[in-house]
């Protein structure tokens, strides 16, 4: 928390690299009514009014955020907010247990994302599991997969904050959560947030395209390139990454 010797809390803290900064840009474009990609091949279309607006918002937020933001990933943002050094942040549901165990646990509030010019959009997805064709011990791998997707494993993750994919695990965590608590309100908000899920495309080249987007956004936040150059490079380099074989 703030002391006489410390600086006032930052405004909104967010990741400035990797999937974190990409996700915020993707959401901002979505909240302005623009899906960033062509489909089924994920060619970016960032040279759009929504893309320009999204960069303006990121630049404004960065002014009230730590100078080191372009070097920060999710864990650095969580640590900053959990220490009471920032007023607002966004985070994955699975990080909630870190806030419950932090100095801000008695000062924590929760809310849905704000509505953008067109809608509310939340970067969404989930971890998935698969068996490789050349798995040496297929029975053991299958047993692990069944464990990871079991009600018990999903409920364990839900108790740490994750929104479980299994509906029976979700029903169980809702039942064991005391009513009229911050945790109960969080489950209400998470279920509401499902209405605003904004999914990236499914494509083998998607990770490479996301990397292009995030690296250009990072360069923009560092002041190394203008907004127009950033959007142009996202489109040009992203198309190349999407189409590489």
Protein backbone atom coordinates (compact mmCIF):
# COMPACT_ATOMS: atom_id res chain seq x y z
CA UNK A 1 0.00 0.00 0.00
CA UNK A 2 1.04 3.62 -0.40
CA UNK A 3 3.40 5.11 2.19
CA UNK A 4 4.76 8.59 2.69
CA UNK A 5 7.96 7.56 0.92
CA UNK A 6 6.38 5.74 -2.01
CA UNK A 7 4.93 7.19 -5.18
CA UNK A 8 1.16 7.25 -5.72
CA UNK A 9 -0.23 4.04 -7.24
CA UNK A 10 -0.02 3.65 -10.99
CA UNK A 11 -3.25 3.78 -12.96
CA UNK A 12 -3.93 0.67 -15.04
CA UNK A 13 -1.12 -1.89 -15.29
CA UNK A 14 -0.98 -4.39 -18.13
CA UNK A 15 1.52 -6.70 -19.87
CA UNK A 16 3.59 -4.95 -22.51
CA UNK A 17 4.82 -7.98 -24.38
CA UNK A 18 3.78 -11.39 -25.64
CA UNK A 19 0.26 -12.72 -25.44
CA UNK A 20 -0.62 -10.13 -22.78
CA UNK A 21 -0.22 -7.01 -24.90
CA UNK A 22 -1.65 -8.82 -27.92
CA UNK A 23 -4.73 -9.80 -25.92
CA UNK A 24 -5.45 -6.25 -24.84
CA UNK A 25 -5.11 -4.97 -28.40
CA UNK A 26 -7.34 -7.79 -29.67
CA UNK A 27 -9.97 -6.92 -27.05
CA UNK A 28 -9.83 -3.21 -27.78
CA UNK A 29 -10.30 -3.83 -31.49
CA UNK A 30 -13.21 -6.11 -30.64
CA UNK A 31 -14.82 -3.56 -28.35
CA UNK A 32 -14.70 -1.15 -31.28
CA UNK A 33 -16.56 -3.74 -33.38
CA UNK A 34 -13.63 -5.05 -35.42
CA UNK A 35 -12.43 -8.66 -35.52
CA UNK A 36 -8.68 -8.38 -36.06
CA UNK A 37 -8.30 -11.32 -38.42
CA UNK A 38 -9.51 -12.58 -41.72
CA UNK A 39 -10.53 -16.22 -41.49
CA UNK A 40 -9.89 -19.08 -41.91
CA UNK A 41 -6.25 -17.96 -42.47
CA UNK A 42 -5.42 -15.52 -39.65
CA UNK A 43 -4.23 -12.58 -41.75
CA UNK A 44 -4.36 -9.45 -39.56
CA UNK A 45 -6.34 -6.42 -40.68
CA UNK A 46 -5.08 -3.84 -38.21
CA UNK A 47 -5.14 -0.85 -40.58
CA UNK A 48 -8.64 0.04 -39.50
CA UNK A 49 -10.21 2.79 -37.39
CA UNK A 50 -10.61 0.29 -34.58
CA UNK A 51 -6.90 -0.51 -34.72
CA UNK A 52 -5.97 3.16 -34.55
CA UNK A 53 -8.34 3.69 -31.63
CA UNK A 54 -6.90 0.65 -29.83
CA UNK A 55 -3.36 2.03 -30.15
CA UNK A 56 -4.50 5.40 -28.81
CA UNK A 57 -5.97 3.69 -25.75
CA UNK A 58 -2.83 1.62 -25.15
CA UNK A 59 -0.64 4.72 -25.46
CA UNK A 60 -2.82 6.64 -22.99
CA UNK A 61 -2.81 3.76 -20.51
CA UNK A 62 0.96 3.44 -20.80
CA UNK A 63 1.40 7.05 -19.68
CA UNK A 64 -0.06 6.16 -16.28
CA UNK A 65 1.69 2.76 -16.10
CA UNK A 66 5.27 1.82 -15.15
CA UNK A 67 7.94 2.80 -17.64
CA UNK A 68 9.00 -0.87 -17.73
CA UNK A 69 5.62 -2.00 -19.11
CA UNK A 70 7.05 -3.18 -22.49
CA UNK A 71 9.24 -5.61 -20.52
CA UNK A 72 6.45 -6.92 -18.30
CA UNK A 73 4.63 -10.21 -18.68
CA UNK A 74 1.59 -11.46 -16.72
CA UNK A 75 3.50 -12.34 -13.54
CA UNK A 76 5.10 -8.90 -13.27
CA UNK A 77 1.70 -7.22 -13.63
CA UNK A 78 0.12 -9.51 -11.03
CA UNK A 79 2.96 -8.81 -8.59
CA UNK A 80 2.65 -5.05 -9.06
CA UNK A 81 -1.11 -5.02 -8.48
CA UNK A 82 -0.97 -7.51 -5.59
CA UNK A 83 1.54 -5.24 -3.84
CA UNK A 84 -0.93 -2.35 -3.95
CA UNK A 85 1.16 -0.38 -6.44
CA UNK A 86 -1.61 0.08 -9.04
CA UNK A 87 -5.28 1.02 -9.04
CA UNK A 88 -6.57 -1.26 -11.82
CA UNK A 89 -5.56 -4.30 -13.79
CA UNK A 90 -6.96 -7.25 -15.71
CA UNK A 91 -5.86 -10.81 -15.13
CA UNK A 92 -6.66 -14.42 -15.85
CA UNK A 93 -9.13 -16.01 -13.42
CA UNK A 94 -6.48 -18.49 -12.30
CA UNK A 95 -4.46 -15.68 -10.69
CA UNK A 96 -7.23 -14.80 -8.23
CA UNK A 97 -5.71 -16.89 -5.41
CA UNK A 98 -2.60 -14.67 -5.51
CA UNK A 99 -4.72 -11.62 -4.73
CA UNK A 100 -6.56 -13.36 -1.90
CA UNK A 101 -3.16 -14.04 -0.31
CA UNK A 102 -1.80 -10.52 -0.92
CA UNK A 103 -1.74 -7.23 1.07
CA UNK A 104 -4.70 -5.93 -0.99
CA UNK A 105 -7.04 -8.81 -0.15
CA UNK A 106 -9.26 -6.57 2.00
CA UNK A 107 -9.32 -3.77 -0.60
CA UNK A 108 -10.06 -5.79 -3.72
CA UNK A 109 -13.00 -5.05 -6.02
CA UNK A 110 -14.13 -6.76 -9.21
CA UNK A 111 -15.96 -5.60 -12.33
CA UNK A 112 -16.65 -6.59 -15.92
CA UNK A 113 -14.62 -4.97 -18.66
CA UNK A 114 -15.95 -1.56 -19.67
CA UNK A 115 -18.01 -1.34 -22.84
CA UNK A 116 -16.13 0.04 -25.83
CA UNK A 117 -17.51 2.17 -28.65
CA UNK A 118 -19.51 -0.80 -29.96
CA UNK A 119 -19.53 -3.66 -27.46
CA UNK A 120 -17.75 -5.41 -24.60
CA UNK A 121 -15.11 -7.92 -25.75
CA UNK A 122 -13.04 -10.29 -23.60
CA UNK A 123 -10.08 -12.24 -25.00
CA UNK A 124 -11.11 -15.86 -24.40
CA UNK A 125 -9.90 -19.39 -24.82
CA UNK A 126 -8.89 -22.44 -22.85
CA UNK A 127 -6.10 -24.92 -22.43
CA UNK A 128 -6.54 -28.08 -24.47
CA UNK A 129 -4.99 -31.53 -24.33
CA UNK A 130 -4.22 -34.11 -26.99
CA UNK A 131 -2.44 -37.41 -27.47
CA UNK A 132 0.46 -37.42 -29.92
CA UNK A 133 0.38 -40.12 -32.59
CA UNK A 134 3.82 -41.35 -31.54
CA UNK A 135 3.13 -41.43 -27.78
CA UNK A 136 5.27 -44.31 -26.43
CA UNK A 137 2.94 -45.17 -23.52
CA UNK A 138 -0.51 -44.43 -24.85
CA UNK A 139 -2.34 -45.92 -21.86
CA UNK A 140 -0.40 -43.80 -19.38
CA UNK A 141 -0.87 -40.65 -21.48
CA UNK A 142 -4.59 -41.34 -21.70
CA UNK A 143 -4.79 -41.78 -17.94
CA UNK A 144 -3.10 -38.41 -17.45
CA UNK A 145 -5.50 -36.77 -19.89
CA UNK A 146 -8.47 -38.25 -18.06
CA UNK A 147 -7.09 -37.01 -14.75
CA UNK A 148 -6.51 -33.47 -16.02
CA UNK A 149 -10.07 -33.28 -17.35
CA UNK A 150 -11.70 -34.98 -14.37
CA UNK A 151 -14.20 -33.26 -12.09
CA UNK A 152 -11.75 -33.48 -9.19
CA UNK A 153 -8.87 -31.83 -11.08
CA UNK A 154 -11.16 -29.15 -12.51
CA UNK A 155 -12.60 -28.43 -9.06
CA UNK A 156 -9.08 -28.10 -7.62
CA UNK A 157 -8.26 -25.47 -10.25
CA UNK A 158 -11.59 -23.74 -9.66
CA UNK A 159 -10.74 -23.38 -5.97
CA UNK A 160 -7.64 -21.44 -7.04
CA UNK A 161 -9.74 -19.21 -9.29
CA UNK A 162 -9.88 -20.80 -12.73
CA UNK A 163 -13.21 -20.89 -14.52
CA UNK A 164 -13.61 -24.65 -15.08
CA UNK A 165 -14.65 -26.05 -18.43
CA UNK A 166 -16.66 -28.82 -16.78
CA UNK A 167 -20.15 -27.72 -15.82
CA UNK A 168 -20.27 -30.16 -12.88
CA UNK A 169 -17.09 -28.63 -11.45
CA UNK A 170 -18.54 -25.15 -11.92
CA UNK A 171 -21.75 -26.17 -10.16
CA UNK A 172 -19.73 -27.67 -7.29
CA UNK A 173 -17.59 -24.56 -6.75
CA UNK A 174 -20.65 -22.34 -6.87
CA UNK A 175 -22.34 -24.51 -4.24
CA UNK A 176 -19.37 -24.44 -1.86
CA UNK A 177 -18.78 -20.68 -2.20
CA UNK A 178 -20.43 -18.69 0.64
CA UNK A 179 -23.11 -16.30 -0.70
CA UNK A 180 -22.70 -12.52 -0.58
CA UNK A 181 -18.90 -12.75 -0.68
CA UNK A 182 -16.34 -11.38 -3.12
CA UNK A 183 -15.78 -14.93 -4.37
CA UNK A 184 -19.50 -15.39 -5.06
CA UNK A 185 -19.63 -12.10 -6.95
CA UNK A 186 -16.60 -13.18 -8.96
CA UNK A 187 -18.35 -16.36 -10.14
CA UNK A 188 -21.36 -14.27 -11.16
CA UNK A 189 -19.12 -11.94 -13.16
CA UNK A 190 -17.22 -14.79 -14.80
CA UNK A 191 -20.44 -16.38 -16.01
CA UNK A 192 -21.58 -13.00 -17.35
CA UNK A 193 -18.23 -12.53 -19.08
CA UNK A 194 -18.86 -15.67 -21.13
CA UNK A 195 -21.40 -13.62 -23.08
CA UNK A 196 -18.61 -11.33 -24.28
CA UNK A 197 -16.01 -13.97 -25.16
CA UNK A 198 -13.87 -12.90 -28.14
CA UNK A 199 -11.98 -15.89 -29.53
CA UNK A 200 -8.86 -15.80 -31.72
CA UNK A 201 -8.87 -18.05 -34.81
CA UNK A 202 -7.86 -21.71 -34.74
CA UNK A 203 -5.00 -22.15 -37.20
CA UNK A 204 -1.54 -23.80 -37.14
CA UNK A 205 0.10 -20.45 -37.96
CA UNK A 206 -1.80 -18.46 -35.34
CA UNK A 207 1.03 -18.42 -32.72
CA UNK A 208 3.46 -17.01 -35.29
CA UNK A 209 0.98 -14.30 -36.27
CA UNK A 210 0.30 -13.39 -32.65
CA UNK A 211 4.05 -13.02 -32.11
CA UNK A 212 4.24 -10.53 -35.01
CA UNK A 213 1.37 -8.49 -33.56
CA UNK A 214 2.80 -8.44 -30.04
CA UNK A 215 6.34 -7.50 -31.12
CA UNK A 216 5.05 -4.55 -33.13
CA UNK A 217 2.83 -3.42 -30.25
CA UNK A 218 5.83 -3.63 -27.94
CA UNK A 219 7.89 -1.49 -30.32
CA UNK A 220 5.04 1.03 -30.40
CA UNK A 221 4.91 1.26 -26.60
CA UNK A 222 8.69 1.73 -26.52
CA UNK A 223 8.32 4.69 -28.87
CA UNK A 224 10.31 2.98 -31.60
CA UNK A 225 7.64 3.31 -34.31
CA UNK A 226 4.54 5.36 -35.00
CA UNK A 227 0.96 4.12 -34.85
CA UNK A 228 0.61 3.99 -38.64
CA UNK A 229 3.87 2.10 -39.11
CA UNK A 230 2.84 -0.30 -36.34
CA UNK A 231 -0.49 -1.10 -38.00
CA UNK A 232 1.09 -1.41 -41.44
CA UNK A 233 3.76 -3.80 -40.16
CA UNK A 234 1.22 -5.89 -38.28
CA UNK A 235 -0.70 -6.39 -41.51
CA UNK A 236 2.28 -6.95 -43.79
CA UNK A 237 4.41 -9.10 -41.48
CA UNK A 238 1.36 -10.87 -40.09
CA UNK A 239 0.18 -11.88 -43.55
CA UNK A 240 3.63 -13.27 -44.32
CA UNK A 241 3.63 -15.24 -41.04
CA UNK A 242 0.10 -16.55 -41.67
CA UNK A 243 0.96 -17.87 -45.11
CA UNK A 244 4.39 -19.40 -44.46
CA UNK A 245 4.48 -23.15 -44.97
